Protein backbone atom coordinates (compact mmCIF):
# COMPACT_ATOMS: atom_id res chain seq x y z
CA UNK A 1 37.22 -51.06 -65.15
CA UNK A 2 39.10 -49.23 -62.38
CA UNK A 3 42.76 -48.47 -63.12
CA UNK A 4 45.02 -48.97 -60.40
CA UNK A 5 45.90 -45.36 -60.17
CA UNK A 6 41.92 -44.38 -59.75
CA UNK A 7 41.34 -46.84 -57.17
CA UNK A 8 44.33 -45.52 -55.07
CA UNK A 9 42.99 -41.91 -55.98
CA UNK A 10 39.37 -43.28 -54.25
CA UNK A 11 41.01 -44.64 -51.19
CA UNK A 12 43.31 -41.30 -51.07
CA UNK A 13 40.39 -38.93 -50.74
CA UNK A 14 38.22 -42.05 -48.29
CA UNK A 15 41.17 -40.96 -46.17
CA UNK A 16 41.55 -37.73 -46.16
CA UNK A 17 37.67 -37.49 -45.22
CA UNK A 18 38.21 -40.05 -42.37
CA UNK A 19 40.99 -38.08 -41.28
CA UNK A 20 39.29 -34.56 -41.52
CA UNK A 21 36.07 -36.11 -39.37
CA UNK A 22 38.56 -37.42 -36.88
CA UNK A 23 40.25 -34.10 -36.14
CA UNK A 24 36.96 -32.11 -35.99
CA UNK A 25 35.58 -34.80 -33.40
CA UNK A 26 38.91 -33.97 -31.98
CA UNK A 27 38.81 -30.32 -31.77
CA UNK A 28 34.67 -30.62 -30.38
CA UNK A 29 36.06 -33.26 -27.68
CA UNK A 30 38.40 -30.89 -26.62
CA UNK A 31 36.07 -27.45 -26.50
CA UNK A 32 33.32 -29.26 -24.94
CA UNK A 33 36.21 -30.91 -22.51
CA UNK A 34 37.54 -27.67 -21.97
CA UNK A 35 33.52 -26.10 -21.05
CA UNK A 36 33.03 -28.71 -18.75
CA UNK A 37 36.82 -28.45 -16.93
CA UNK A 38 35.79 -24.73 -16.43
CA UNK A 39 32.33 -25.63 -15.59
CA UNK A 40 32.31 -24.40 -11.71
CA UNK A 41 34.00 -20.61 -13.26
CA UNK A 42 31.52 -20.76 -15.97
CA UNK A 43 28.42 -21.30 -13.43
CA UNK A 44 29.80 -18.46 -11.50
CA UNK A 45 30.01 -16.18 -14.05
CA UNK A 46 26.56 -16.41 -15.22
CA UNK A 47 25.49 -16.46 -11.90
CA UNK A 48 26.93 -12.96 -11.75
CA UNK A 49 25.90 -12.28 -15.31
CA UNK A 50 21.97 -12.75 -14.14
CA UNK A 51 22.27 -10.63 -11.16
CA UNK A 52 23.99 -7.82 -13.28
CA UNK A 53 21.07 -7.98 -15.73
CA UNK A 54 18.51 -8.30 -13.18
CA UNK A 55 19.27 -5.53 -10.87
CA UNK A 56 17.04 -2.52 -11.19
CA UNK A 57 18.56 0.48 -13.32
CA UNK A 58 17.90 4.03 -12.94
CA UNK A 59 14.04 3.84 -14.74
CA UNK A 60 13.21 0.37 -12.13
CA UNK A 61 14.50 2.78 -8.95
CA UNK A 62 11.86 5.24 -10.34
CA UNK A 63 8.83 2.94 -10.59
CA UNK A 64 9.94 1.44 -7.34
CA UNK A 65 9.89 4.72 -5.72
CA UNK A 66 6.35 5.32 -7.57
CA UNK A 67 5.29 1.70 -6.31
CA UNK A 68 6.28 1.87 -2.67
CA UNK A 69 4.52 5.89 -2.18
CA UNK A 70 1.04 3.77 -3.24
CA UNK A 71 1.39 1.06 -0.76
CA UNK A 72 2.37 3.56 1.38
CA UNK A 73 -0.48 5.81 0.86
CA UNK A 74 -3.27 2.61 0.43
CA UNK A 75 -2.77 1.40 3.91
CA UNK A 76 -2.78 5.11 5.36
CA UNK A 77 -6.31 5.74 3.41
CA UNK A 78 -7.41 2.08 4.74
CA UNK A 79 -6.51 3.13 7.72
CA UNK A 80 -8.15 6.81 7.83
CA UNK A 81 -11.06 4.99 6.90
CA UNK A 82 -11.17 1.97 9.24
CA UNK A 83 -10.59 4.30 12.16
CA UNK A 84 -14.03 6.17 11.29
CA UNK A 85 -15.38 2.64 10.74
CA UNK A 86 -14.78 1.74 13.87
CA UNK A 87 -16.04 5.41 15.61
CA UNK A 88 -19.70 4.73 13.17
CA UNK A 89 -19.75 1.60 14.46
CA UNK A 90 -19.66 2.29 18.33
CA UNK A 91 -21.97 5.35 17.33
CA UNK A 92 -24.96 2.59 16.45
CA UNK A 93 -25.23 0.93 19.58
CA UNK A 94 -28.17 0.60 21.85
CA UNK A 95 -28.82 -0.22 25.31
CA UNK A 96 -30.14 -3.88 25.40
CA UNK A 97 -33.42 -2.78 26.28
CA UNK A 98 -33.32 -0.03 23.86
CA UNK A 99 -36.97 1.02 22.63
CA UNK A 100 -35.93 0.64 18.68
CA UNK A 101 -35.02 -2.45 19.31
CA UNK A 102 -38.18 -3.26 21.40
CA UNK A 103 -40.12 -1.50 18.13
CA UNK A 104 -38.41 -3.99 15.66
CA UNK A 105 -39.10 -7.21 17.95
CA UNK A 106 -42.52 -5.94 18.30
CA UNK A 107 -42.98 -5.76 14.53
CA UNK A 108 -42.03 -8.95 13.53
CA UNK A 109 -43.76 -10.44 16.04
CA UNK A 110 -46.70 -8.97 15.04
CA UNK A 111 -45.91 -10.14 11.38
CA UNK A 112 -45.82 -13.90 12.82
CA UNK A 113 -48.94 -13.43 14.51
CA UNK A 114 -50.67 -12.49 11.24
CA UNK A 115 -49.45 -15.04 9.57
CA UNK A 116 -50.01 -18.35 11.86
CA UNK A 117 -53.77 -16.15 13.65
CA UNK A 118 -56.21 -19.03 12.06
CA UNK A 119 -53.30 -21.78 13.21
CA UNK A 120 -54.87 -24.15 15.08
CA UNK A 121 -52.62 -25.27 18.15
CA UNK A 122 -51.49 -28.26 19.78
CA UNK A 123 -51.77 -29.46 23.44
CA UNK A 124 -48.96 -31.04 24.29
CA UNK A 125 -47.33 -31.48 28.17
CA UNK A 126 -43.92 -32.42 26.69
CA UNK A 127 -43.32 -29.04 24.58
CA UNK A 128 -44.08 -25.44 24.58
CA UNK A 129 -46.26 -25.23 21.73
CA UNK A 130 -44.88 -23.30 18.36
CA UNK A 131 -46.70 -19.77 19.21
CA UNK A 132 -44.72 -19.74 22.72
CA UNK A 133 -41.72 -20.43 21.47
CA UNK A 134 -41.99 -17.72 18.58
CA UNK A 135 -43.21 -15.01 21.07
CA UNK A 136 -41.36 -15.77 24.88
CA UNK A 137 -38.25 -15.11 25.61
CA UNK A 138 -34.73 -17.48 24.62
CA UNK A 139 -34.27 -19.77 27.06
CA UNK A 140 -30.56 -19.29 26.95
CA UNK A 141 -31.23 -15.57 28.53
CA UNK A 142 -31.82 -17.16 31.50
CA UNK A 143 -29.29 -16.32 34.04
CA UNK A 144 -31.55 -16.93 37.52
CA UNK A 145 -30.86 -19.91 39.59
CA UNK A 146 -27.58 -20.80 37.68
CA UNK A 147 -25.62 -19.99 41.01
CA UNK A 148 -27.48 -23.43 42.49
CA UNK A 149 -25.09 -25.33 39.95
CA UNK A 150 -22.26 -22.65 40.82
CA UNK A 151 -22.07 -21.36 37.75
CA UNK A 152 -21.35 -17.76 37.35
CA UNK A 153 -23.17 -16.26 34.09
CA UNK A 154 -21.47 -12.59 34.62
CA UNK A 155 -24.79 -10.75 33.82
CA UNK A 156 -24.45 -8.98 30.75
CA UNK A 157 -21.72 -11.03 29.84
CA UNK A 158 -24.13 -14.39 29.61
CA UNK A 159 -23.87 -14.38 26.10
CA UNK A 160 -20.10 -14.96 26.09
CA UNK A 161 -21.09 -18.55 27.93
CA UNK A 162 -24.19 -19.79 25.84
CA UNK A 163 -23.85 -21.12 22.47
CA UNK A 164 -27.13 -20.13 21.52
CA UNK A 165 -25.57 -16.57 21.33
CA UNK A 166 -23.09 -17.47 18.93
CA UNK A 167 -23.67 -15.90 16.05
CA UNK A 168 -22.78 -19.44 13.66
CA UNK A 169 -23.25 -22.44 16.29
CA UNK A 170 -26.27 -20.50 17.37
CA UNK A 171 -28.33 -21.76 14.71
CA UNK A 172 -27.49 -25.42 15.84
CA UNK A 173 -27.75 -25.21 19.37
CA UNK A 174 -29.95 -21.60 19.88
CA UNK A 175 -32.13 -23.60 17.83
CA UNK A 176 -31.87 -26.88 19.64
CA UNK A 177 -32.49 -25.18 23.38
CA UNK A 178 -35.74 -23.16 21.91
CA UNK A 179 -37.12 -26.28 21.15
CA UNK A 180 -36.18 -28.80 23.90
CA UNK A 181 -35.68 -25.30 26.51
CA UNK A 182 -32.84 -26.03 27.25
CA UNK A 183 -29.57 -23.66 27.46
CA UNK A 184 -26.05 -25.22 26.52
CA UNK A 185 -22.74 -23.07 27.92
CA UNK A 186 -19.29 -22.35 26.61
CA UNK A 187 -15.89 -24.66 26.98
CA UNK A 188 -15.59 -22.91 30.63
CA UNK A 189 -18.50 -25.34 31.97
CA UNK A 190 -17.31 -28.46 29.69
CA UNK A 191 -20.94 -27.75 27.61
CA UNK A 192 -22.79 -28.14 29.83
CA UNK A 193 -26.64 -28.45 28.87
CA UNK A 194 -29.15 -27.65 31.88
CA UNK A 195 -32.73 -27.62 31.53
CA UNK A 196 -34.80 -24.34 31.75
CA UNK A 197 -38.10 -23.64 32.80
CA UNK A 198 -40.86 -20.71 32.12
CA UNK A 199 -43.14 -21.69 34.69
CA UNK A 200 -43.27 -20.87 37.30
CA UNK A 201 -42.36 -17.51 36.28
CA UNK A 202 -39.35 -15.75 36.11
CA UNK A 203 -37.31 -17.44 33.61
CA UNK A 204 -35.21 -19.76 35.78
CA UNK A 205 -32.51 -22.81 35.54
CA UNK A 206 -34.21 -25.72 36.82
CA UNK A 207 -34.32 -26.52 40.40
CA UNK A 208 -33.87 -29.39 42.48
CA UNK A 209 -37.61 -30.66 43.74
CA UNK A 210 -39.10 -29.70 39.84
CA UNK A 211 -40.57 -31.72 37.49
CA UNK A 212 -37.37 -31.53 35.53
CA UNK A 213 -33.89 -32.28 36.64
CA UNK A 214 -31.74 -29.03 36.13
CA UNK A 215 -28.96 -30.89 34.37
CA UNK A 216 -28.70 -32.60 30.98
CA UNK A 217 -26.97 -33.60 28.15
CA UNK A 218 -26.47 -31.93 24.87
CA UNK A 219 -27.59 -35.50 23.50
CA UNK A 220 -30.68 -35.40 25.45
CA UNK A 221 -31.76 -31.73 24.40
CA UNK A 222 -31.44 -33.07 20.64
CA UNK A 223 -33.70 -36.07 21.07
CA UNK A 224 -35.48 -33.68 22.77
CA UNK A 225 -36.01 -31.24 20.29
CA UNK A 226 -36.23 -33.80 17.58
CA UNK A 227 -39.66 -34.92 19.20
CA UNK A 228 -40.66 -31.48 19.44
CA UNK A 229 -40.47 -31.22 15.83
CA UNK A 230 -41.79 -34.66 15.44
CA UNK A 231 -45.03 -33.91 17.38
CA UNK A 232 -45.68 -30.27 15.65
CA UNK A 233 -43.30 -29.74 12.38
CA UNK A 234 -44.15 -25.73 12.96
CA UNK A 235 -42.70 -25.40 16.13
CA UNK A 236 -39.06 -25.95 13.61
CA UNK A 237 -39.85 -22.49 11.93
CA UNK A 238 -41.16 -20.90 15.22
CA UNK A 239 -37.75 -21.57 16.42
CA UNK A 240 -35.54 -20.46 13.79
CA UNK A 241 -37.66 -17.46 13.50
CA UNK A 242 -37.11 -16.67 17.30
CA UNK A 243 -33.25 -17.56 16.57
CA UNK A 244 -33.17 -14.99 13.89
CA UNK A 245 -34.97 -12.36 16.17
CA UNK A 246 -32.95 -12.40 19.07
CA UNK A 247 -29.85 -12.61 17.16
CA UNK A 248 -30.78 -9.87 15.39
CA UNK A 249 -31.71 -7.84 18.28
CA UNK A 250 -28.36 -8.82 20.04
CA UNK A 251 -26.47 -8.05 17.28
CA UNK A 252 -26.26 -3.72 17.72
CA UNK A 253 -26.89 -3.71 21.12
CA UNK A 254 -23.33 -2.16 23.15
CA UNK A 255 -22.20 -5.80 23.74
CA UNK A 256 -22.95 -7.60 20.60
CA UNK A 257 -22.44 -10.80 19.87
CA UNK A 258 -19.37 -13.02 20.84
CA UNK A 259 -16.81 -13.72 17.98
CA UNK A 260 -18.08 -16.63 16.47
CA UNK A 261 -17.07 -19.97 17.47
CA UNK A 262 -13.70 -18.91 19.66
CA UNK A 263 -15.65 -19.77 22.98
CA UNK A 264 -15.49 -23.52 21.96
CA UNK A 265 -11.80 -23.90 21.85
CA UNK A 266 -10.45 -20.56 23.35
CA UNK A 267 -12.85 -18.99 26.55
CA UNK A 268 -10.82 -16.81 28.10
CA UNK A 269 -9.15 -14.82 25.04
CA UNK A 270 -13.39 -15.08 23.62
CA UNK A 271 -13.98 -13.39 27.02
CA UNK A 272 -11.13 -11.11 26.92
CA UNK A 273 -12.27 -10.04 23.87
CA UNK A 274 -15.63 -9.41 24.45
CA UNK A 275 -15.57 -8.03 27.65
CA UNK A 276 -12.89 -5.34 25.60
CA UNK A 277 -15.56 -4.63 23.25
CA UNK A 278 -14.59 -6.43 20.53
CA UNK A 279 -17.42 -8.52 19.35
CA UNK A 280 -18.94 -10.01 15.93
CA UNK A 281 -19.67 -7.19 14.52
CA UNK A 282 -15.96 -5.80 14.72
CA UNK A 283 -15.04 -9.09 13.26
CA UNK A 284 -17.01 -9.01 10.31
CA UNK A 285 -15.61 -4.74 9.86
CA UNK A 286 -12.08 -6.54 10.10
CA UNK A 287 -12.63 -9.31 7.51
CA UNK A 288 -13.94 -6.80 5.52
CA UNK A 289 -11.17 -4.20 5.77
CA UNK A 290 -8.15 -7.22 5.71
CA UNK A 291 -10.31 -8.32 2.10
CA UNK A 292 -10.15 -4.39 1.13
CA UNK A 293 -6.59 -4.09 1.79
CA UNK A 294 -5.39 -7.29 0.07
CA UNK A 295 -7.49 -6.23 -2.95
CA UNK A 296 -5.77 -2.65 -3.48
CA UNK A 297 -2.19 -4.34 -2.79
CA UNK A 298 -3.30 -6.78 -5.67
CA UNK A 299 -4.65 -3.61 -7.32
CA UNK A 300 -1.07 -1.83 -7.39
CA UNK A 301 0.76 -4.23 -8.10
CA UNK A 302 -0.83 -4.86 -11.35
CA UNK A 303 -0.74 -1.66 -11.79
CA UNK A 304 2.91 -0.97 -11.16
CA UNK A 305 3.51 -4.04 -14.04
CA UNK A 306 1.48 -2.24 -16.64
CA UNK A 307 3.57 0.78 -16.23
CA UNK A 308 7.14 -1.20 -15.73
CA UNK A 309 6.04 -2.60 -18.48
CA UNK A 310 6.00 0.92 -21.08
CA UNK A 311 9.94 0.55 -20.18
CA UNK A 312 10.29 -2.68 -22.06
CA UNK A 313 12.45 -2.46 -25.11
CA UNK A 314 12.70 -5.22 -27.91
CA UNK A 315 16.48 -5.78 -27.60
CA UNK A 316 16.10 -7.05 -24.31
CA UNK A 317 15.54 -10.38 -22.50
CA UNK A 318 11.87 -10.29 -21.52
CA UNK A 319 12.73 -13.10 -18.85
CA UNK A 320 15.34 -10.75 -17.07
CA UNK A 321 13.01 -7.80 -17.50
CA UNK A 322 10.07 -9.35 -15.89
CA UNK A 323 12.41 -10.46 -13.05
CA UNK A 324 13.37 -7.08 -12.55
CA UNK A 325 9.09 -6.01 -12.36
CA UNK A 326 8.88 -8.95 -9.78
CA UNK A 327 12.02 -7.20 -7.61
CA UNK A 328 9.81 -4.00 -8.03
CA UNK A 329 7.14 -5.74 -6.54
CA UNK A 330 8.41 -7.32 -4.15
CA UNK A 331 10.60 -4.73 -2.63
CA UNK A 332 7.86 -2.11 -2.90
CA UNK A 333 5.24 -4.86 -0.54
CA UNK A 334 8.27 -5.26 2.16
CA UNK A 335 9.08 -1.31 2.77
CA UNK A 336 5.36 -0.68 2.72
CA UNK A 337 5.05 -3.51 4.90
CA UNK A 338 7.63 -2.63 7.05
CA UNK A 339 6.90 0.77 7.20
CA UNK A 340 3.35 -0.23 8.61
CA UNK A 341 4.47 -2.72 11.69
CA UNK A 342 6.82 0.19 12.81
CA UNK A 343 4.32 3.17 12.46
CA UNK A 344 1.36 0.80 14.28
CA UNK A 345 3.88 -0.87 16.77
CA UNK A 346 5.20 3.47 17.50
CA UNK A 347 1.40 4.55 17.65
CA UNK A 348 1.00 1.97 20.34
CA UNK A 349 3.69 3.05 22.65
CA UNK A 350 2.18 6.40 22.45
CA UNK A 351 -0.98 5.52 23.21
CA UNK A 352 -2.73 6.33 20.04
CA UNK A 353 -5.65 4.83 20.37
CA UNK A 354 -6.70 4.32 17.08
CA UNK A 355 -3.10 2.38 16.42
CA UNK A 356 -4.03 -0.89 15.40
CA UNK A 357 -6.60 0.36 13.05
CA UNK A 358 -3.67 1.15 10.54
CA UNK A 359 -2.52 -2.54 10.92
CA UNK A 360 -1.88 -3.06 7.31
CA UNK A 361 -2.83 -7.31 7.54
CA UNK A 362 -4.24 -7.56 4.05
CA UNK A 363 -1.14 -5.86 2.59
CA UNK A 364 0.88 -8.18 5.11
CA UNK A 365 -1.01 -11.48 3.26
CA UNK A 366 -0.20 -9.52 -0.20
CA UNK A 367 3.63 -9.37 0.86
CA UNK A 368 4.09 -13.02 2.02
CA UNK A 369 2.75 -14.22 -1.28
CA UNK A 370 4.89 -11.78 -2.93
CA UNK A 371 7.68 -12.91 -1.49
CA UNK A 372 6.73 -17.09 -2.22
CA UNK A 373 5.85 -16.13 -5.51
CA UNK A 374 9.36 -13.80 -6.27
CA UNK A 375 11.70 -16.35 -4.53
CA UNK A 376 9.61 -19.63 -7.54
CA UNK A 377 9.61 -17.35 -10.62
CA UNK A 378 13.42 -15.76 -9.71
CA UNK A 379 14.47 -18.99 -9.29
CA UNK A 380 13.03 -20.80 -12.56
CA UNK A 381 14.23 -17.52 -14.47
CA UNK A 382 17.77 -18.02 -12.88
CA UNK A 383 18.10 -21.56 -13.83
CA UNK A 384 16.71 -20.89 -17.47
CA UNK A 385 19.45 -18.33 -17.83
CA UNK A 386 22.09 -20.21 -16.37
CA UNK A 387 21.48 -23.77 -17.69
CA UNK A 388 20.43 -22.87 -21.20
CA UNK A 389 23.31 -20.58 -21.19
CA UNK A 390 25.68 -23.52 -19.97
CA UNK A 391 23.73 -25.61 -22.54
CA UNK A 392 24.44 -23.45 -25.64
CA UNK A 393 28.02 -23.36 -24.67
CA UNK A 394 28.23 -27.14 -24.39
CA UNK A 395 26.68 -27.04 -28.02
CA UNK A 396 28.61 -24.97 -29.51
CA UNK A 397 25.98 -22.07 -30.26
CA UNK A 398 27.43 -19.81 -27.81
């Protein structure tokens, strides 16, 4: 049994431990309270520290200069190559009745004849024979008789008004027109569809008094096309063949084919572009150029990330170093895109014919993407740095 003195000693020891712990809690509470009380200033200081640690140093500025030079050199080179491509594209253009085009068409028609030389033919009062569909002119090339309905097909510019000549929609409406002997117009004329007559020659829009009414509808034309295929399914293959042959013969002519689909919702813009010489081939070329511009801009970004990574030191915070890398990429892209816009605008103002060939759309897309990504990345790292450090201060670890 413990003596009275031993019990008193244990009691005193326990009280001392309790008081010591309470003193620690009080001190910790006071420390946390002090930190919380200074929170606005601490956050401002941490924000300033983040900015200081992520600002570009001398080495970073050298990399920024290199990145900018590469990005500017890229769009200058691509612009030069784009100019050459435009000139080459214009040089290979042919007249719509060029002998080379005629021989090319003749060659394919001869192959078609040989393939079907032993085939039988179905006599029909309603639809053209599949062989005639493949061999004769396409109905949507007809312009004769259009004035009867108050429609101006504008001669050589008739392609912009007919959906059959659209490089994309033509595979639907052009094939339908071939099967139903019709011509379907663009939005300028409310997508109206007219019957086309092959007899008596020449090819013309159906006139009042002929056995077909002039005006029909797209649904009726599709029904006629369906009926023609049901009667003889070889007509569908013949129509696709004729469509491919016709678009192929038109694409490299002086006027070329119109920009796809545009005439269905912006006919005025489509017409102005087509009449100014901008056709589907120019669009394809421009899409390819923009793609190359974007890919090269991304490649240079990756190259700069690798080069800047060589300057990383183990003693540095990797996240803060990566923020400096993202700043280099953002600034170099912004300088490149800004100088591109200024240079192109100056070229246009001075009347330089090929100024627009240097417009770095792909680079601008990469710049826009870089700005968005950089903003998100820097905010994420900043949040981790500021709040992470603040949490450590609350926990007494910093």
